[in-house]
């Protein structure tokens, strides 16, 4: 076998070069959906021909040689995940006993064509068919089967090239095409190995298993399709004047202009009677639009509403593609019960067996101290917590206040320690010359006692992680009344922490509402372990389809949807 492989390397290199050589089919794909071109569909009936046993044995010899010569950078188009995808290809063939899967002596299999159709329809998931060499595969198949008796080396190359494309597509559906760390520096969860699922199931079954099962994913796929259609159907996507201001009782041509778009986007009924008058009918459309964009639903056309209205349709389509990608970062199954916090939506939701059982508003990190995207397990609750102030906040925020008022810590119930040793004795903060303290070398530890003025409020919920992010109460309840709520140092503040505690402890004896209220108002912290860990997903969704069929958009508070970020996603459809 080793001798046979050595004799195959020279012709193999030639065939691989031919397989990679650009042909007419590798030209840029049009931005218009492929389905609009009859030449790009596969309506013919490709009847597979059984592989002759002798031919299969010969092809398998060549197959092993082709696999030995896969070059990651050369043959795998995904530069972010090339190594992992190569390993998936090799594992796939190990599970298939190093036998060809997609080719026969006279034609390819039906699943070969099923995969081509999957790749061609990748745009429905916001992905680009070019990422899977779809036209190269079509042209290579044509070259291979032009001859009455295709040579076995060419068959092996075609089989491997299809498997590379399949593993790439499967990997993208299961894990996303760009690692989460490119945005937040953190991993959302373990990567899913796709080869075993693909090797042990039909193509359709495998992709079903690897595609996110969360209803929001399919709703957002539908939203992407809807907005692609709107881009073609609505003629007037022109922006409004930035200084435009309208309210109930006004008359303007812009009222009619906006109303016509609202009827297409679902903010107004399509049979609504609209004129140039800013009347109660139009107010309802404005309020619906504002709610869909996370704005204050005041029914008035002002700067924020104009800014949301003026976002180009192409930009909104890109946002939907990016959000589908971020959804693919999550496990395909989020679990029977989980917490999900949508950062730019400023909301926490708990889902149990697919039903939303608890919702509340949140406050998230400022742009300078962003709440990261990640997944961790909620393990325990701390009632009446202390707050150990992070060193950066001591240096940047508390030290300047102490210089202005050396009673600052005493007035707010903070204790000062000389270092970070647990057995250190507290200091008298008003006896220190804070103007002489160097902020760059400050070593003091500041701890706030439990109580209603504590920055963490009366309870915190801990999901151990490397960046010390957790959920907690807040004494600043008034901030929940604002439509934009990015005010924290990264942790998530909760509107109803007592309700979350009640939900988490409902199966533990002795933890009724009265017991929870009592625990939240103690002089010392009290820790309670949960009976079962609960997954918490911190996600960044700025555009998604909801259960009613409407498309929701939120302000991109961390600029994750910026054009510079979009350029990283070379696998997304243009």
Protein backbone atom coordinates (compact mmCIF):
# COMPACT_ATOMS: atom_id res chain seq x y z
CA UNK A 1 0.00 0.00 0.00
CA UNK A 2 2.82 2.38 0.95
CA UNK A 3 4.46 1.81 -2.44
CA UNK A 4 1.16 2.39 -4.22
CA UNK A 5 0.67 5.69 -2.39
CA UNK A 6 4.14 6.89 -3.37
CA UNK A 7 3.40 6.27 -7.04
CA UNK A 8 0.17 8.27 -6.72
CA UNK A 9 1.59 11.52 -5.33
CA UNK A 10 2.69 13.08 -8.65
CA UNK A 11 -0.61 12.57 -10.51
CA UNK A 12 -2.48 13.48 -7.31
CA UNK A 13 -0.81 16.90 -7.14
CA UNK A 14 -1.86 17.56 -10.72
CA UNK A 15 -5.48 16.58 -10.05
CA UNK A 16 -5.66 18.70 -6.90
CA UNK A 17 -4.35 21.66 -8.89
CA UNK A 18 -7.04 21.11 -11.49
CA UNK A 19 -9.65 20.82 -8.73
CA UNK A 20 -8.57 24.14 -7.26
CA UNK A 21 -8.11 25.97 -10.59
CA UNK A 22 -10.74 28.71 -11.07
CA UNK A 23 -13.34 27.99 -13.74
CA UNK A 24 -16.33 29.91 -15.02
CA UNK A 25 -18.32 28.51 -12.10
CA UNK A 26 -16.08 30.14 -9.51
CA UNK A 27 -16.92 33.70 -10.50
CA UNK A 28 -18.47 35.95 -7.88
CA UNK A 29 -22.01 34.92 -7.05
CA UNK A 30 -24.60 37.62 -7.65
CA UNK A 31 -26.06 39.34 -4.59
CA UNK A 32 -29.51 38.39 -5.92
CA UNK A 33 -30.70 35.07 -4.51
CA UNK A 34 -29.46 32.08 -6.48
CA UNK A 35 -32.97 30.73 -6.62
CA UNK A 36 -33.83 33.41 -9.18
CA UNK A 37 -31.50 31.77 -11.71
CA UNK A 38 -32.80 28.59 -13.30
CA UNK A 39 -29.28 27.56 -14.29
CA UNK A 40 -28.30 27.44 -10.60
CA UNK A 41 -31.02 25.00 -9.53
CA UNK A 42 -30.94 21.21 -9.62
CA UNK A 43 -34.30 20.15 -11.00
CA UNK A 44 -32.92 17.14 -12.88
CA UNK A 45 -33.26 13.65 -11.49
CA UNK A 46 -29.75 12.39 -10.72
CA UNK A 47 -30.17 8.64 -10.40
CA UNK A 48 -27.15 7.16 -8.58
CA UNK A 49 -25.37 4.17 -10.10
CA UNK A 50 -24.04 1.55 -7.64
CA UNK A 51 -20.26 1.55 -7.32
CA UNK A 52 -18.58 -1.53 -8.71
CA UNK A 53 -16.82 -3.38 -5.87
CA UNK A 54 -13.54 -3.59 -7.70
CA UNK A 55 -13.69 0.11 -8.61
CA UNK A 56 -14.49 0.98 -5.00
CA UNK A 57 -11.40 -0.83 -3.74
CA UNK A 58 -9.22 1.05 -6.20
CA UNK A 59 -10.83 4.38 -5.35
CA UNK A 60 -10.29 3.73 -1.65
CA UNK A 61 -6.56 3.28 -2.25
CA UNK A 62 -6.49 6.66 -3.93
CA UNK A 63 -8.75 8.11 -1.22
CA UNK A 64 -6.24 7.29 1.50
CA UNK A 65 -3.55 9.03 -0.51
CA UNK A 66 -5.68 12.12 -1.07
CA UNK A 67 -6.40 12.35 2.65
CA UNK A 68 -2.66 12.11 3.37
CA UNK A 69 -2.05 15.17 1.21
CA UNK A 70 -4.76 17.56 2.44
CA UNK A 71 -3.18 20.91 3.13
CA UNK A 72 -5.20 22.87 5.68
CA UNK A 73 -4.52 26.35 4.34
CA UNK A 74 -4.91 25.28 0.72
CA UNK A 75 -7.97 23.06 0.70
CA UNK A 76 -10.07 24.39 3.62
CA UNK A 77 -11.52 27.81 2.84
CA UNK A 78 -12.41 28.68 6.44
CA UNK A 79 -9.27 30.35 7.80
CA UNK A 80 -10.64 30.70 11.35
CA UNK A 81 -11.48 27.01 11.79
CA UNK A 82 -9.28 25.33 9.15
CA UNK A 83 -7.46 23.02 11.54
CA UNK A 84 -10.65 21.84 13.26
CA UNK A 85 -12.40 21.25 9.93
CA UNK A 86 -9.46 19.24 8.59
CA UNK A 87 -9.63 17.06 11.70
CA UNK A 88 -13.39 16.63 11.17
CA UNK A 89 -12.75 15.49 7.58
CA UNK A 90 -10.20 12.89 8.68
CA UNK A 91 -12.48 11.70 11.50
CA UNK A 92 -15.44 11.47 9.10
CA UNK A 93 -13.51 9.10 6.82
CA UNK A 94 -12.27 7.05 9.77
CA UNK A 95 -15.89 6.49 10.74
CA UNK A 96 -16.62 5.55 7.11
CA UNK A 97 -13.73 3.04 7.05
CA UNK A 98 -11.80 5.21 4.56
CA UNK A 99 -14.33 4.57 1.81
CA UNK A 100 -15.76 7.01 -0.73
CA UNK A 101 -19.15 8.37 0.25
CA UNK A 102 -20.41 10.65 -2.52
CA UNK A 103 -19.16 9.19 -5.83
CA UNK A 104 -19.98 6.15 -7.94
CA UNK A 105 -18.47 4.73 -11.08
CA UNK A 106 -20.84 6.60 -13.37
CA UNK A 107 -22.37 9.38 -11.24
CA UNK A 108 -22.48 10.95 -7.83
CA UNK A 109 -25.02 9.96 -5.18
CA UNK A 110 -28.32 11.66 -4.45
CA UNK A 111 -26.83 13.03 -1.23
CA UNK A 112 -24.12 14.77 -3.29
CA UNK A 113 -26.89 16.75 -4.96
CA UNK A 114 -28.66 17.24 -1.66
CA UNK A 115 -25.48 18.86 -0.33
CA UNK A 116 -25.14 21.08 -3.40
CA UNK A 117 -28.68 22.30 -2.78
CA UNK A 118 -27.85 22.94 0.87
CA UNK A 119 -24.85 25.02 -0.14
CA UNK A 120 -26.80 26.93 -2.76
CA UNK A 121 -29.48 27.73 -0.17
CA UNK A 122 -26.96 28.75 2.49
CA UNK A 123 -28.09 32.33 1.93
CA UNK A 124 -31.31 31.59 3.79
CA UNK A 125 -29.13 31.25 6.92
CA UNK A 126 -27.11 34.34 6.02
CA UNK A 127 -24.18 32.24 4.78
CA UNK A 128 -22.36 32.50 1.45
CA UNK A 129 -22.43 29.51 -0.96
CA UNK A 130 -18.91 30.41 -2.06
CA UNK A 131 -17.66 29.36 1.38
CA UNK A 132 -18.46 25.77 0.38
CA UNK A 133 -16.94 25.81 -3.13
CA UNK A 134 -20.34 24.98 -4.60
CA UNK A 135 -19.50 26.00 -8.17
CA UNK A 136 -16.09 24.38 -8.00
CA UNK A 137 -17.78 21.15 -6.97
CA UNK A 138 -20.26 21.41 -9.84
CA UNK A 139 -17.48 22.03 -12.35
CA UNK A 140 -15.20 19.37 -10.90
CA UNK A 141 -17.96 16.78 -11.11
CA UNK A 142 -18.52 17.72 -14.73
CA UNK A 143 -14.80 17.30 -15.46
CA UNK A 144 -14.62 13.96 -13.66
CA UNK A 145 -17.62 12.42 -15.40
CA UNK A 146 -16.96 13.85 -18.87
CA UNK A 147 -15.13 10.65 -19.66
CA UNK A 148 -17.01 7.40 -19.99
CA UNK A 149 -14.75 5.74 -17.43
CA UNK A 150 -13.55 8.36 -14.90
CA UNK A 151 -10.19 7.62 -13.33
CA UNK A 152 -10.20 6.59 -9.70
CA UNK A 153 -7.88 9.35 -8.57
CA UNK A 154 -10.29 12.01 -9.86
CA UNK A 155 -13.19 10.24 -8.12
CA UNK A 156 -11.28 10.24 -4.84
CA UNK A 157 -10.45 13.93 -5.15
CA UNK A 158 -14.10 14.79 -5.88
CA UNK A 159 -15.24 12.76 -2.87
CA UNK A 160 -12.78 14.48 -0.54
CA UNK A 161 -13.55 17.94 -1.88
CA UNK A 162 -17.26 17.36 -1.18
CA UNK A 163 -16.49 16.10 2.32
CA UNK A 164 -14.41 19.19 3.05
CA UNK A 165 -17.33 21.37 1.95
CA UNK A 166 -19.80 19.27 3.98
CA UNK A 167 -17.72 19.38 7.17
CA UNK A 168 -17.26 23.14 6.72
CA UNK A 169 -21.00 23.74 6.32
CA UNK A 170 -21.86 21.40 9.22
CA UNK A 171 -19.26 23.08 11.42
CA UNK A 172 -20.65 26.52 10.59
CA UNK A 173 -24.19 25.46 11.40
CA UNK A 174 -23.16 23.88 14.71
CA UNK A 175 -20.55 26.34 15.95
CA UNK A 176 -20.69 29.45 13.79
CA UNK A 177 -18.10 30.45 11.24
CA UNK A 178 -16.23 33.02 13.35
CA UNK A 179 -15.20 32.15 16.93
CA UNK A 180 -16.97 34.16 19.68
CA UNK A 181 -13.60 35.23 21.09
CA UNK A 182 -13.18 37.57 18.09
CA UNK A 183 -15.82 39.78 19.73
CA UNK A 184 -15.84 39.21 23.48
CA UNK A 185 -12.57 37.35 24.04
CA UNK A 186 -14.56 34.51 25.62
CA UNK A 187 -15.89 31.20 24.38
CA UNK A 188 -19.66 30.71 24.58
CA UNK A 189 -19.36 26.96 25.06
CA UNK A 190 -17.52 23.84 23.92
CA UNK A 191 -17.28 23.31 20.17
CA UNK A 192 -19.50 20.57 18.78
CA UNK A 193 -17.75 17.74 16.92
CA UNK A 194 -19.70 17.35 13.68
CA UNK A 195 -18.04 14.30 12.07
CA UNK A 196 -19.77 11.63 14.22
CA UNK A 197 -23.18 13.20 13.65
CA UNK A 198 -22.60 13.52 9.89
CA UNK A 199 -21.13 10.03 9.52
CA UNK A 200 -23.94 8.30 11.39
CA UNK A 201 -26.92 10.11 9.90
CA UNK A 202 -28.31 11.11 6.54
CA UNK A 203 -27.38 14.59 5.33
CA UNK A 204 -30.81 16.05 6.14
CA UNK A 205 -30.93 14.43 9.59
CA UNK A 206 -27.39 15.51 10.45
CA UNK A 207 -27.99 19.15 9.50
CA UNK A 208 -31.28 19.14 11.44
CA UNK A 209 -29.40 17.93 14.52
CA UNK A 210 -26.64 20.52 14.12
CA UNK A 211 -28.84 23.54 13.39
CA UNK A 212 -29.81 25.59 16.48
CA UNK A 213 -33.06 24.31 17.93
CA UNK A 214 -33.99 27.57 19.65
CA UNK A 215 -37.25 28.93 18.12
CA UNK A 216 -35.66 32.38 17.83
CA UNK A 217 -33.20 31.01 15.25
CA UNK A 218 -35.88 29.88 12.82
CA UNK A 219 -37.86 33.05 13.47
CA UNK A 220 -34.77 35.06 12.53
CA UNK A 221 -34.24 32.98 9.38
CA UNK A 222 -37.81 33.95 8.44
CA UNK A 223 -37.05 37.58 9.33
CA UNK A 224 -34.03 37.59 7.01
CA UNK A 225 -36.16 36.22 4.17
CA UNK A 226 -38.83 38.84 4.87
CA UNK A 227 -36.38 41.75 4.76
CA UNK A 228 -34.72 40.50 1.59
CA UNK A 229 -38.17 40.52 0.01
CA UNK A 230 -38.93 43.99 1.40
CA UNK A 231 -35.66 45.27 -0.05
CA UNK A 232 -36.92 44.37 -3.51
CA UNK A 233 -40.59 45.28 -3.07
CA UNK A 234 -40.48 48.61 -1.25
CA UNK A 235 -39.34 51.33 -3.59
CA UNK A 236 -39.08 54.12 -1.03
CA UNK A 237 -36.25 53.37 1.39
CA UNK A 238 -35.12 57.00 1.30
CA UNK A 239 -34.21 58.52 4.69
CA UNK A 240 -36.11 61.25 6.47
CA UNK A 241 -34.57 64.64 7.32
CA UNK A 242 -32.57 64.25 10.54
CA UNK A 243 -34.11 67.37 12.07
CA UNK A 244 -37.71 66.31 11.34
CA UNK A 245 -40.06 66.56 14.34
CA UNK A 246 -43.72 65.52 14.20
CA UNK A 247 -46.45 64.78 16.73
CA UNK A 248 -50.17 64.20 17.00
CA UNK A 249 -52.15 66.82 15.09
CA UNK A 250 -49.43 67.69 12.57
CA UNK A 251 -49.87 67.37 8.80
CA UNK A 252 -46.94 66.39 6.59
CA UNK A 253 -46.10 64.46 3.43
CA UNK A 254 -43.67 62.54 5.63
CA UNK A 255 -46.57 61.09 7.58
CA UNK A 256 -47.87 59.39 4.43
CA UNK A 257 -44.34 58.33 3.46
CA UNK A 258 -43.75 56.66 6.82
CA UNK A 259 -47.23 55.12 6.94
CA UNK A 260 -46.69 53.39 3.60
CA UNK A 261 -43.53 51.75 4.90
CA UNK A 262 -45.16 50.87 8.24
CA UNK A 263 -47.84 48.92 6.35
CA UNK A 264 -45.12 46.81 4.72
CA UNK A 265 -43.12 46.19 7.88
CA UNK A 266 -46.15 45.20 9.99
CA UNK A 267 -46.33 48.34 12.13
CA UNK A 268 -49.66 49.29 10.53
CA UNK A 269 -52.37 47.08 9.06
CA UNK A 270 -52.10 46.91 5.28
CA UNK A 271 -55.67 48.20 4.93
CA UNK A 272 -55.14 51.11 7.35
CA UNK A 273 -56.68 54.38 6.20
CA UNK A 274 -53.76 56.80 6.15
CA UNK A 275 -53.37 60.38 4.95
CA UNK A 276 -50.91 63.20 5.57
CA UNK A 277 -52.53 63.76 8.97
CA UNK A 278 -50.72 62.64 12.12
CA UNK A 279 -53.86 61.05 13.61
CA UNK A 280 -54.56 58.23 16.06
CA UNK A 281 -54.14 55.59 13.33
CA UNK A 282 -50.67 56.83 12.48
CA UNK A 283 -49.75 57.18 16.18
CA UNK A 284 -50.42 53.46 16.60
CA UNK A 285 -47.99 52.70 13.76
CA UNK A 286 -45.32 54.98 15.26
CA UNK A 287 -45.68 53.30 18.67
CA UNK A 288 -45.38 49.84 17.11
CA UNK A 289 -42.28 50.91 15.19
CA UNK A 290 -40.74 52.36 18.34
CA UNK A 291 -41.39 49.19 20.32
CA UNK A 292 -39.87 47.06 17.56
CA UNK A 293 -36.72 49.18 17.81
CA UNK A 294 -36.49 49.31 21.60
CA UNK A 295 -37.36 53.01 21.75
CA UNK A 296 -39.54 54.93 24.16
CA UNK A 297 -43.07 54.31 22.76
CA UNK A 298 -44.22 57.91 23.04
CA UNK A 299 -45.81 58.15 19.57
CA UNK A 300 -43.72 61.20 18.70
CA UNK A 301 -41.34 61.47 15.73
CA UNK A 302 -38.06 62.72 17.20
CA UNK A 303 -34.33 62.15 16.79
CA UNK A 304 -34.24 58.56 18.07
CA UNK A 305 -37.17 57.46 15.90
CA UNK A 306 -35.70 59.20 12.85
CA UNK A 307 -32.32 57.53 13.44
CA UNK A 308 -33.95 54.08 13.60
CA UNK A 309 -36.11 54.78 10.54
CA UNK A 310 -33.09 55.94 8.52
CA UNK A 311 -31.08 52.73 9.00
CA UNK A 312 -30.71 51.41 5.41
CA UNK A 313 -32.50 48.16 4.60
CA UNK A 314 -29.16 46.66 3.52
CA UNK A 315 -27.79 47.42 6.98
CA UNK A 316 -30.74 45.76 8.67
CA UNK A 317 -30.25 42.67 6.50
CA UNK A 318 -26.58 42.54 7.53
CA UNK A 319 -27.65 42.83 11.17
CA UNK A 320 -29.93 39.82 10.78
CA UNK A 321 -27.09 37.81 9.23
CA UNK A 322 -24.73 38.73 12.06
CA UNK A 323 -27.32 37.81 14.67
CA UNK A 324 -27.94 34.43 13.04
CA UNK A 325 -24.19 33.85 13.25
CA UNK A 326 -24.14 34.73 16.95
CA UNK A 327 -27.08 32.36 17.53
CA UNK A 328 -24.99 29.57 15.98
CA UNK A 329 -22.37 30.13 18.70
CA UNK A 330 -24.76 28.64 21.25
CA UNK A 331 -25.31 24.90 21.76
CA UNK A 332 -27.90 23.51 19.36
CA UNK A 333 -30.02 22.62 22.42
CA UNK A 334 -30.05 25.24 25.20
CA UNK A 335 -31.63 22.83 27.69
CA UNK A 336 -35.08 22.26 29.20
CA UNK A 337 -34.64 25.22 31.54
CA UNK A 338 -32.33 28.20 31.17
CA UNK A 339 -31.83 31.94 31.66
CA UNK A 340 -31.06 34.13 28.67
CA UNK A 341 -30.02 37.77 28.96
CA UNK A 342 -30.11 39.76 25.72
CA UNK A 343 -27.60 42.54 26.33
CA UNK A 344 -28.80 45.23 23.83
CA UNK A 345 -32.45 44.43 24.60
CA UNK A 346 -31.84 45.00 28.35
CA UNK A 347 -34.00 42.00 29.22
CA UNK A 348 -33.70 38.71 31.10
CA UNK A 349 -36.00 35.81 30.24
CA UNK A 350 -36.31 32.36 31.76
CA UNK A 351 -37.46 29.53 29.52
CA UNK A 352 -38.76 26.23 30.80
CA UNK A 353 -39.68 23.54 28.27
CA UNK A 354 -39.93 26.18 25.56
CA UNK A 355 -42.20 28.54 27.53
CA UNK A 356 -41.17 31.95 28.80
CA UNK A 357 -41.88 31.69 32.54
CA UNK A 358 -40.29 34.91 33.84
CA UNK A 359 -39.18 38.21 32.27
CA UNK A 360 -37.63 41.35 33.69
CA UNK A 361 -35.72 44.43 32.62
CA UNK A 362 -31.97 44.57 33.16
CA UNK A 363 -29.16 47.10 33.30
CA UNK A 364 -25.97 46.04 31.50
CA UNK A 365 -22.41 47.25 31.09
CA UNK A 366 -21.49 50.64 29.69
CA UNK A 367 -19.56 50.77 26.43
CA UNK A 368 -16.35 51.24 28.42
CA UNK A 369 -17.13 48.23 30.65
CA UNK A 370 -19.07 45.90 28.39
CA UNK A 371 -21.04 42.90 29.54
CA UNK A 372 -19.39 39.94 27.75
CA UNK A 373 -21.04 37.23 25.70
CA UNK A 374 -20.71 33.85 27.40
CA UNK A 375 -22.43 30.82 28.90
CA UNK A 376 -22.03 29.69 32.52
CA UNK A 377 -24.04 27.80 35.14
CA UNK A 378 -25.82 29.64 37.94
CA UNK A 379 -24.81 27.80 41.13
CA UNK A 380 -25.73 29.78 44.23
CA UNK A 381 -27.37 32.89 45.69
CA UNK A 382 -25.87 35.31 48.19
CA UNK A 383 -28.46 37.20 50.23
CA UNK A 384 -27.47 40.47 51.94
CA UNK A 385 -24.14 40.54 50.12
CA UNK A 386 -21.11 42.68 50.80
CA UNK A 387 -19.46 44.34 47.82
CA UNK A 388 -15.71 44.22 47.40
CA UNK A 389 -15.02 47.11 45.08
CA UNK A 390 -12.86 46.13 42.06
CA UNK A 391 -9.40 47.78 42.11
CA UNK A 392 -10.10 49.69 38.90
CA UNK A 393 -13.18 51.32 40.41
CA UNK A 394 -11.26 52.17 43.59
CA UNK A 395 -8.56 53.85 41.51
CA UNK A 396 -10.72 55.62 38.93
CA UNK A 397 -13.90 56.48 40.83
CA UNK A 398 -13.56 56.23 44.61
CA UNK A 399 -10.11 57.81 45.04
CA UNK A 400 -11.14 61.12 43.38
CA UNK A 401 -14.22 61.25 45.65
CA UNK A 402 -12.08 60.60 48.74
CA UNK A 403 -9.79 63.44 47.75
CA UNK A 404 -12.83 65.72 47.66
CA UNK A 405 -14.36 64.31 50.88
CA UNK A 406 -12.39 62.03 53.21
CA UNK A 407 -15.70 61.01 54.86
CA UNK A 408 -16.97 59.50 51.59
CA UNK A 409 -16.49 55.84 52.59
CA UNK A 410 -17.87 56.30 56.10
CA UNK A 411 -21.04 58.03 54.85
CA UNK A 412 -21.80 55.18 52.43
CA UNK A 413 -21.08 52.22 54.68
CA UNK A 414 -17.73 51.18 53.22
CA UNK A 415 -14.84 49.65 55.15
CA UNK A 416 -11.23 50.22 54.18
CA UNK A 417 -8.50 47.57 54.47
CA UNK A 418 -4.75 48.05 53.88
CA UNK A 419 -4.43 45.05 51.54
CA UNK A 420 -6.25 42.03 50.12
CA UNK A 421 -5.55 39.67 53.03
CA UNK A 422 -8.75 38.32 54.57
CA UNK A 423 -7.44 38.71 58.14
CA UNK A 424 -6.49 42.38 57.71
CA UNK A 425 -7.86 44.89 60.20
CA UNK A 426 -9.94 47.84 58.88
CA UNK A 427 -8.43 51.31 58.70
CA UNK A 428 -9.90 54.74 59.51
CA UNK A 429 -10.33 56.13 56.03
CA UNK A 430 -10.74 59.72 57.21
CA UNK A 431 -7.25 59.67 58.76
CA UNK A 432 -5.48 59.10 55.43
CA UNK A 433 -4.08 61.88 53.23
CA UNK A 434 -5.72 60.77 50.00
CA UNK A 435 -4.04 63.50 47.95
CA UNK A 436 -0.69 61.81 48.54
CA UNK A 437 -1.91 58.35 47.46
CA UNK A 438 -0.56 57.29 44.07
CA UNK A 439 -3.47 55.88 42.00
CA UNK A 440 -1.07 53.67 40.03
CA UNK A 441 0.18 51.82 43.12
CA UNK A 442 -2.90 51.88 45.34
CA UNK A 443 -3.34 48.60 47.26
CA UNK A 444 -6.30 49.39 49.51
CA UNK A 445 -9.29 47.05 49.60
CA UNK A 446 -12.71 48.67 49.88
CA UNK A 447 -15.71 46.64 51.07
CA UNK A 448 -19.29 47.85 51.34
CA UNK A 449 -21.41 46.33 54.12
CA UNK A 450 -24.80 44.70 53.43
CA UNK A 451 -27.78 47.02 53.34
CA UNK A 452 -30.22 48.87 51.09
CA UNK A 453 -27.53 51.27 49.83
CA UNK A 454 -25.14 48.46 48.88
CA UNK A 455 -24.20 48.71 45.18
CA UNK A 456 -25.26 45.06 44.72
CA UNK A 457 -28.59 45.66 46.40
CA UNK A 458 -29.97 42.95 48.66
CA UNK A 459 -29.04 39.81 46.71
CA UNK A 460 -26.66 38.53 44.03
CA UNK A 461 -26.74 35.42 41.86
CA UNK A 462 -23.42 33.73 41.18
CA UNK A 463 -22.34 31.86 38.05
CA UNK A 464 -18.59 31.33 38.62
CA UNK A 465 -16.53 32.65 35.70
CA UNK A 466 -13.12 34.10 34.92
CA UNK A 467 -14.33 37.71 34.52
CA UNK A 468 -16.38 37.95 37.73
CA UNK A 469 -19.71 38.71 36.04
CA UNK A 470 -22.90 37.98 37.97
CA UNK A 471 -26.56 39.02 38.33
CA UNK A 472 -27.59 41.28 41.20
CA UNK A 473 -30.08 43.69 42.73
CA UNK A 474 -29.50 47.46 42.67
CA UNK A 475 -30.50 50.42 44.83
CA UNK A 476 -30.90 52.52 41.66
CA UNK A 477 -34.34 51.22 40.64
CA UNK A 478 -35.23 54.43 38.82
CA UNK A 479 -32.85 53.52 35.97
CA UNK A 480 -35.18 50.71 34.87
CA UNK A 481 -37.60 53.33 33.61
CA UNK A 482 -35.18 54.35 30.86
CA UNK A 483 -35.34 52.77 27.41
CA UNK A 484 -31.53 52.57 27.15
CA UNK A 485 -29.97 50.94 30.20
CA UNK A 486 -26.22 50.49 29.73
CA UNK A 487 -24.98 51.88 33.06
CA UNK A 488 -23.15 49.09 34.93
CA UNK A 489 -19.49 48.09 35.17
CA UNK A 490 -20.28 44.83 33.35
CA UNK A 491 -22.51 42.86 35.72
CA UNK A 492 -26.25 42.57 35.13
CA UNK A 493 -28.60 44.45 37.43
CA UNK A 494 -32.10 43.01 37.82
CA UNK A 495 -35.48 44.70 38.00
CA UNK A 496 -37.07 41.94 40.13
CA UNK A 497 -34.30 40.03 41.96
CA UNK A 498 -36.77 38.77 44.57
CA UNK A 499 -38.84 37.10 41.83
CA UNK A 500 -35.75 35.44 40.40
CA UNK A 501 -34.80 34.18 43.88
CA UNK A 502 -38.33 32.83 44.39
CA UNK A 503 -38.17 31.02 41.04
CA UNK A 504 -34.78 29.47 41.76
CA UNK A 505 -35.72 28.35 45.29
CA UNK A 506 -39.30 27.23 44.63
CA UNK A 507 -38.38 23.55 45.07
CA UNK A 508 -36.39 24.08 48.28
CA UNK A 509 -38.32 23.69 51.50
CA UNK A 510 -38.55 26.77 53.69
CA UNK A 511 -37.95 29.35 50.99
CA UNK A 512 -41.24 31.16 50.59
CA UNK A 513 -41.56 34.91 49.87
CA UNK A 514 -41.33 35.81 53.55
CA UNK A 515 -38.12 33.81 54.06
CA UNK A 516 -36.55 35.39 50.96
CA UNK A 517 -37.46 38.92 52.12
CA UNK A 518 -35.96 38.19 55.54
CA UNK A 519 -32.75 36.81 54.03
CA UNK A 520 -32.39 39.92 51.87
CA UNK A 521 -32.31 42.17 54.92
CA UNK A 522 -29.66 40.70 57.19
CA UNK A 523 -26.50 42.27 58.60
CA UNK A 524 -24.36 39.39 57.36
CA UNK A 525 -24.31 37.60 53.97
CA UNK A 526 -26.14 34.30 53.62
CA UNK A 527 -25.23 31.84 50.83
CA UNK A 528 -27.76 29.32 49.47
CA UNK A 529 -26.74 26.58 47.03
CA UNK A 530 -29.25 25.78 44.27
CA UNK A 531 -30.64 22.27 44.10
CA UNK A 532 -29.60 22.17 40.44
CA UNK A 533 -27.35 24.36 38.31
CA UNK A 534 -29.12 26.52 35.76
CA UNK A 535 -27.49 27.52 32.44
CA UNK A 536 -27.19 31.27 31.90
CA UNK A 537 -26.61 32.62 28.40
CA UNK A 538 -25.47 36.21 27.98
CA UNK A 539 -26.20 36.95 24.32
CA UNK A 540 -25.98 39.95 22.01
CA UNK A 541 -29.06 40.11 19.78
CA UNK A 542 -29.65 43.38 18.03
CA UNK A 543 -31.97 41.97 15.34
CA UNK A 544 -34.25 38.93 15.46
CA UNK A 545 -37.63 37.58 14.45
CA UNK A 546 -40.16 37.21 17.25
CA UNK A 547 -42.95 34.70 17.82
CA UNK A 548 -45.54 37.05 16.26
CA UNK A 549 -43.69 37.31 12.95
CA UNK A 550 -42.44 40.84 13.56
CA UNK A 551 -38.76 41.73 13.20
CA UNK A 552 -37.16 43.33 16.24
CA UNK A 553 -34.16 45.69 16.15
CA UNK A 554 -32.14 47.19 18.98
CA UNK A 555 -29.45 49.85 19.15
CA UNK A 556 -26.02 48.31 18.57
CA UNK A 557 -24.67 49.59 21.89
CA UNK A 558 -21.24 47.90 21.62
CA UNK A 559 -20.93 48.28 17.83
CA UNK A 560 -20.76 44.52 17.34
CA UNK A 561 -22.65 45.04 14.06
CA UNK A 562 -20.22 47.62 12.70
CA UNK A 563 -18.98 47.32 9.13
CA UNK A 564 -15.47 46.53 10.39
CA UNK A 565 -16.86 43.59 12.37
CA UNK A 566 -19.01 42.47 9.45
CA UNK A 567 -15.86 42.26 7.31
CA UNK A 568 -14.52 39.55 9.64
CA UNK A 569 -17.40 37.33 8.60
CA UNK A 570 -16.21 36.43 5.12
CA UNK A 571 -18.45 33.37 5.27
CA UNK A 572 -21.62 35.46 5.47
CA UNK A 573 -23.62 36.14 2.32
CA UNK A 574 -22.94 39.42 0.56
